[in-house]
Amino acid sequence: MPCCKELHHPLNTEFQAFTIKDFWEEASNIRTFVFEGTLGAKPGQFCMLWIPGVDEKPFSIARDYDGEIWLTICKVGPATEELFTLKKGDKIGLRGPFGQGFSTKKKKNIVLVGGGYGTAPLHFTGKAHQDEGCDVTMIIGARSENLLIWTDKCEASGFRTLVATNDGSRGTEGFTTHVLEKLLAEEKIDLVQTCGPEKMMKALSQMCEEKNVACEVSIERYMKCGFGICGQCVTESGEKMCQTGPVVPGKKALSYPDFGEYHRGSEGQKISW
């Protein structure tokens, strides 16, 4: 494999070679990869994954402890298609961690809301909250039961796990917003943290703002460098999400004109969510 140490910067911007230790299917076109080693990441941070000769892409970190890094990845383009052809023992490059992660609290009632593969990094967050003596509820949403991921891991970790599916094939019929709305009406919630489709996160942020409940969201933008040089991940308010984010308070996210409305592609074009 070509040398992974190509960049020089005060942050952890140099690629390191990591071996694929294991992988498994979470749902259709969604796979969790396990790498030996650590990046020293905190919940909510992301890394850049490099496939030599193909491309590099940013991914949220689903786990970074006990000598393993987990990345849950959806196959959506040429880079991830190539990644899905790799086998155990193959090597890739990782650099990071980058960005601001989720905050952790002591002895609080925490609700985590994940949509699609946005659920994976929230499990990492929930484990950190448990270490601080918090009660953790995980709300997981998907279009149907066969697209749900990480429910078994959340249950095994002792999270109260609630499910919503659009078609009602499992759990509440409807959206994660319906489940959270019920919890906010019935319980004292100290903090809501969410990762997933941006329209979902915007609705959750608005709900928490109305109820005066603290909220944090993980905002995805087009990232190339990961540490604030390229400017590709800037919001319409001028925030570089690789530095200010990806995790920001819900109230702050609601001040971004593009939040939940659109993002920009590789050529700067607006793409609606």
Protein backbone atom coordinates (compact mmCIF):
# COMPACT_ATOMS: atom_id res chain seq x y z
CA MET A 1 0.00 0.00 0.00
CA PRO A 2 1.34 3.51 -0.78
CA CYS A 3 2.57 5.55 2.16
CA CYS A 4 -0.35 7.15 4.01
CA LYS A 5 1.60 10.05 5.51
CA GLU A 6 1.28 12.74 2.88
CA LEU A 7 -0.03 15.88 4.60
CA HIS A 8 1.60 18.02 7.27
CA HIS A 9 -0.57 20.10 9.60
CA PRO A 10 -0.83 20.67 13.40
CA LEU A 11 -4.06 18.62 13.44
CA ASN A 12 -4.21 14.86 12.83
CA THR A 13 -4.31 15.32 9.06
CA GLU A 14 -1.79 12.63 8.13
CA PHE A 15 -3.24 9.37 6.90
CA GLN A 16 -2.55 6.26 8.93
CA ALA A 17 -2.94 2.77 7.53
CA PHE A 18 -5.61 0.63 9.20
CA THR A 19 -6.44 -3.02 8.63
CA ILE A 20 -10.01 -4.19 8.07
CA LYS A 21 -10.55 -6.58 10.96
CA ASP A 22 -14.18 -7.44 10.29
CA PHE A 23 -17.39 -6.21 8.67
CA TRP A 24 -21.08 -7.14 8.55
CA GLU A 25 -24.28 -6.07 6.87
CA GLU A 26 -26.57 -3.79 8.87
CA ALA A 27 -29.25 -3.43 6.16
CA SER A 28 -29.43 -3.22 2.38
CA ASN A 29 -26.29 -1.39 1.17
CA ILE A 30 -25.31 -0.47 4.75
CA ARG A 31 -22.26 -2.15 6.26
CA THR A 32 -20.24 -1.69 9.45
CA PHE A 33 -16.47 -1.93 9.03
CA VAL A 34 -14.18 -2.69 11.97
CA PHE A 35 -10.58 -1.47 11.94
CA GLU A 36 -7.83 -2.35 14.40
CA GLY A 37 -6.48 0.65 16.32
CA THR A 38 -7.71 4.04 17.50
CA LEU A 39 -7.94 7.63 16.34
CA GLY A 40 -8.70 8.92 19.84
CA ALA A 41 -12.08 10.19 18.67
CA LYS A 42 -14.91 11.56 20.78
CA PRO A 43 -18.58 10.80 20.04
CA GLY A 44 -19.86 12.90 17.15
CA GLN A 45 -16.51 13.53 15.51
CA PHE A 46 -15.71 12.31 12.01
CA CYS A 47 -12.72 11.00 10.07
CA MET A 48 -11.61 11.00 6.45
CA LEU A 49 -11.35 7.55 4.86
CA TRP A 50 -8.98 7.13 1.90
CA ILE A 51 -9.05 4.32 -0.64
CA PRO A 52 -5.77 4.67 -2.55
CA GLY A 53 -6.30 5.34 -6.22
CA VAL A 54 -10.01 6.02 -5.76
CA ASP A 55 -11.04 8.85 -3.40
CA GLU A 56 -11.40 9.92 0.20
CA LYS A 57 -14.68 10.61 1.98
CA PRO A 58 -15.79 11.80 5.44
CA PHE A 59 -17.59 9.42 7.79
CA SER A 60 -18.98 9.73 11.30
CA ILE A 61 -17.28 7.44 13.80
CA ALA A 62 -19.55 4.78 15.28
CA ARG A 63 -17.03 3.53 17.84
CA ASP A 64 -13.47 4.27 18.92
CA TYR A 65 -12.57 2.33 22.05
CA ASP A 66 -11.24 -1.08 23.16
CA GLY A 67 -8.74 -1.03 20.29
CA GLU A 68 -11.32 -0.85 17.51
CA ILE A 69 -12.74 1.80 15.18
CA TRP A 70 -16.18 1.16 13.70
CA LEU A 71 -17.57 3.00 10.68
CA THR A 72 -21.12 2.32 9.48
CA ILE A 73 -21.23 3.20 5.80
CA CYS A 74 -23.92 3.33 3.12
CA LYS A 75 -22.94 2.34 -0.42
CA VAL A 76 -23.90 5.40 -2.46
CA GLY A 77 -21.12 6.13 -5.00
CA PRO A 78 -17.85 5.01 -6.61
CA ALA A 79 -15.73 5.31 -3.44
CA THR A 80 -18.07 3.31 -1.23
CA GLU A 81 -18.71 0.81 -4.02
CA GLU A 82 -14.96 0.16 -4.10
CA LEU A 83 -14.81 0.00 -0.31
CA PHE A 84 -17.49 -2.72 -0.31
CA THR A 85 -15.26 -4.89 -2.51
CA LEU A 86 -12.45 -4.97 0.09
CA LYS A 87 -11.86 -7.99 2.29
CA LYS A 88 -10.68 -8.70 5.81
CA GLY A 89 -6.97 -7.97 6.04
CA ASP A 90 -7.04 -5.25 3.39
CA LYS A 91 -5.79 -1.81 4.37
CA ILE A 92 -7.25 1.67 3.94
CA GLY A 93 -6.15 5.13 5.14
CA LEU A 94 -7.85 7.11 7.91
CA ARG A 95 -7.09 10.60 9.16
CA GLY A 96 -8.66 12.56 11.97
CA PRO A 97 -10.58 12.83 14.17
CA PHE A 98 -12.04 16.17 13.12
CA GLY A 99 -14.75 18.55 14.25
CA GLN A 100 -16.82 19.16 17.34
CA GLY A 101 -18.59 16.18 18.87
CA PHE A 102 -21.61 15.74 21.13
CA SER A 103 -21.43 17.00 24.70
CA THR A 104 -21.78 14.53 27.56
CA LYS A 105 -23.57 15.20 30.83
CA LYS A 106 -23.63 13.71 34.31
CA LYS A 107 -26.73 11.97 35.69
CA LYS A 108 -29.18 13.42 33.19
CA ASN A 109 -32.09 12.06 31.17
CA ILE A 110 -30.74 11.93 27.61
CA VAL A 111 -32.70 11.18 24.43
CA LEU A 112 -30.80 10.28 21.25
CA VAL A 113 -32.68 10.33 17.94
CA GLY A 114 -31.21 8.56 14.93
CA GLY A 115 -32.53 8.34 11.40
CA GLY A 116 -31.09 5.79 8.96
CA TYR A 117 -27.35 5.26 9.33
CA GLY A 118 -27.22 8.40 11.51
CA THR A 119 -28.05 6.03 14.36
CA ALA A 120 -24.56 4.52 14.46
CA PRO A 121 -22.56 7.47 15.90
CA LEU A 122 -25.30 8.02 18.49
CA HIS A 123 -24.60 4.60 20.02
CA PHE A 124 -21.03 5.81 20.67
CA THR A 125 -22.56 8.93 22.26
CA GLY A 126 -24.94 6.90 24.40
CA LYS A 127 -22.11 4.78 25.79
CA ALA A 128 -20.29 7.97 26.83
CA HIS A 129 -23.44 9.21 28.59
CA GLN A 130 -23.79 5.90 30.42
CA ASP A 131 -20.26 6.30 31.73
CA GLU A 132 -21.47 9.56 33.33
CA GLY A 133 -24.42 7.84 35.02
CA CYS A 134 -27.09 9.08 32.60
CA ASP A 135 -30.36 7.42 31.64
CA VAL A 136 -30.26 6.95 27.86
CA THR A 137 -33.21 6.57 25.51
CA MET A 138 -32.52 5.83 21.84
CA ILE A 139 -35.19 6.57 19.23
CA ILE A 140 -34.42 4.88 15.91
CA GLY A 141 -36.31 5.64 12.72
CA ALA A 142 -36.43 4.12 9.24
CA ARG A 143 -38.87 3.76 6.37
CA SER A 144 -39.50 0.08 7.22
CA GLU A 145 -38.31 -2.66 9.58
CA ASN A 146 -35.78 -4.10 7.12
CA LEU A 147 -33.95 -0.74 7.03
CA LEU A 148 -33.58 -0.36 10.81
CA ILE A 149 -29.99 -0.58 12.05
CA TRP A 150 -28.26 -0.84 15.41
CA THR A 151 -31.44 -1.67 17.35
CA ASP A 152 -29.91 -4.87 18.75
CA LYS A 153 -26.71 -3.09 19.79
CA CYS A 154 -28.66 -0.32 21.53
CA GLU A 155 -30.81 -2.82 23.41
CA ALA A 156 -27.74 -4.88 24.35
CA SER A 157 -26.08 -1.72 25.70
CA GLY A 158 -29.01 -1.13 28.05
CA PHE A 159 -30.54 1.86 26.26
CA ARG A 160 -34.30 2.19 26.40
CA THR A 161 -34.81 1.65 22.66
CA LEU A 162 -37.89 3.00 20.85
CA VAL A 163 -38.53 2.45 17.15
CA ALA A 164 -40.54 4.32 14.52
CA THR A 165 -41.13 3.12 10.97
CA ASN A 166 -42.97 5.01 8.26
CA ASP A 167 -45.03 1.97 7.30
CA GLY A 168 -45.65 0.70 10.85
CA SER A 169 -43.83 -2.59 10.22
CA ARG A 170 -42.13 -2.19 13.62
CA GLY A 171 -42.69 0.10 16.56
CA THR A 172 -44.62 3.33 16.19
CA GLU A 173 -46.12 3.97 12.77
CA GLY A 174 -44.82 7.34 11.66
CA PHE A 175 -41.70 9.34 12.39
CA THR A 176 -39.17 9.79 15.17
CA THR A 177 -40.70 13.21 15.78
CA HIS A 178 -43.93 11.53 16.90
CA VAL A 179 -42.05 9.42 19.45
CA LEU A 180 -40.07 12.39 20.78
CA GLU A 181 -43.17 14.55 21.01
CA LYS A 182 -44.78 11.95 23.30
CA LEU A 183 -41.68 11.72 25.51
CA LEU A 184 -41.42 15.49 25.85
CA ALA A 185 -45.06 15.59 26.96
CA GLU A 186 -44.65 12.84 29.53
CA GLU A 187 -41.10 13.15 30.91
CA LYS A 188 -38.48 15.67 31.93
CA ILE A 189 -35.84 15.46 29.22
CA ASP A 190 -32.54 17.24 29.86
CA LEU A 191 -30.93 16.93 26.43
CA VAL A 192 -31.85 15.70 22.95
CA GLN A 193 -29.07 14.80 20.51
CA THR A 194 -29.76 13.77 16.93
CA CYS A 195 -28.08 12.58 13.75
CA GLY A 196 -29.81 11.70 10.50
CA PRO A 197 -31.83 13.31 7.72
CA GLU A 198 -31.64 17.08 8.01
CA LYS A 199 -35.38 17.66 7.66
CA MET A 200 -35.88 15.34 10.63
CA MET A 201 -33.26 17.18 12.68
CA LYS A 202 -34.79 20.55 11.85
CA ALA A 203 -38.22 19.38 13.03
CA LEU A 204 -36.70 17.99 16.23
CA SER A 205 -34.77 21.22 16.85
CA GLN A 206 -37.94 23.28 16.43
CA MET A 207 -39.80 20.98 18.80
CA CYS A 208 -37.08 21.24 21.45
CA GLU A 209 -36.91 25.01 21.05
CA GLU A 210 -40.64 25.27 21.70
CA LYS A 211 -40.34 23.05 24.79
CA ASN A 212 -37.17 24.83 26.02
CA VAL A 213 -35.19 21.58 25.94
CA ALA A 214 -31.49 21.59 25.04
CA CYS A 215 -30.76 20.03 21.66
CA GLU A 216 -27.67 19.21 19.60
CA VAL A 217 -27.62 18.21 15.92
CA SER A 218 -24.97 16.74 13.64
CA ILE A 219 -24.95 18.62 10.33
CA GLU A 220 -23.58 16.95 7.21
CA ARG A 221 -21.94 19.11 4.56
CA TYR A 222 -19.59 18.41 1.63
CA MET A 223 -16.16 18.01 3.24
CA LYS A 224 -12.84 17.63 1.43
CA CYS A 225 -10.00 18.61 3.76
CA GLY A 226 -11.67 18.13 7.16
CA PHE A 227 -9.85 20.99 8.92
CA GLY A 228 -11.09 24.31 7.52
CA ILE A 229 -8.83 24.95 4.52
CA CYS A 230 -10.95 24.11 1.47
CA GLY A 231 -14.16 25.89 2.49
CA GLN A 232 -16.40 23.28 0.86
CA CYS A 233 -18.44 22.67 4.02
CA VAL A 234 -19.42 26.31 4.69
CA THR A 235 -23.09 26.96 5.53
CA GLU A 236 -24.97 29.94 4.15
CA SER A 237 -24.11 31.69 7.43
CA GLY A 238 -20.39 31.24 6.78
CA GLU A 239 -19.76 28.50 9.35
CA LYS A 240 -17.22 25.80 8.44
CA MET A 241 -18.94 22.65 9.62
CA CYS A 242 -15.69 20.68 9.83
CA GLN A 243 -14.62 23.10 12.59
CA THR A 244 -17.75 24.69 14.09
CA GLY A 245 -19.55 21.37 13.66
CA PRO A 246 -20.50 18.85 12.67
CA VAL A 247 -22.31 18.99 16.03
CA VAL A 248 -23.90 22.33 16.92
CA PRO A 249 -26.74 23.38 19.24
CA GLY A 250 -30.14 23.02 17.64
CA LYS A 251 -30.88 26.70 18.24
CA LYS A 252 -27.73 27.67 16.32
CA ALA A 253 -28.59 25.29 13.49
CA LEU A 254 -32.03 26.90 13.17
CA SER A 255 -30.30 30.21 12.44
CA TYR A 256 -28.71 28.73 9.29
CA PRO A 257 -30.88 29.57 6.23
CA ASP A 258 -29.91 26.28 4.55
CA PHE A 259 -30.53 23.99 7.56
CA GLY A 260 -33.12 21.41 6.57
CA GLU A 261 -33.63 23.11 3.21
CA TYR A 262 -30.60 22.45 1.00
CA HIS A 263 -26.87 21.84 0.88
CA ARG A 264 -24.21 22.40 -1.77
CA GLY A 265 -22.59 19.77 -3.96
CA SER A 266 -19.01 19.41 -5.14
CA GLU A 267 -19.40 22.29 -7.60
CA GLY A 268 -21.25 24.57 -5.20
CA GLN A 269 -24.70 23.87 -6.66
CA LYS A 270 -27.72 23.90 -4.33
CA ILE A 271 -29.19 20.45 -3.64
CA SER A 272 -32.51 20.24 -1.79
CA TRP A 273 -32.82 17.78 1.06
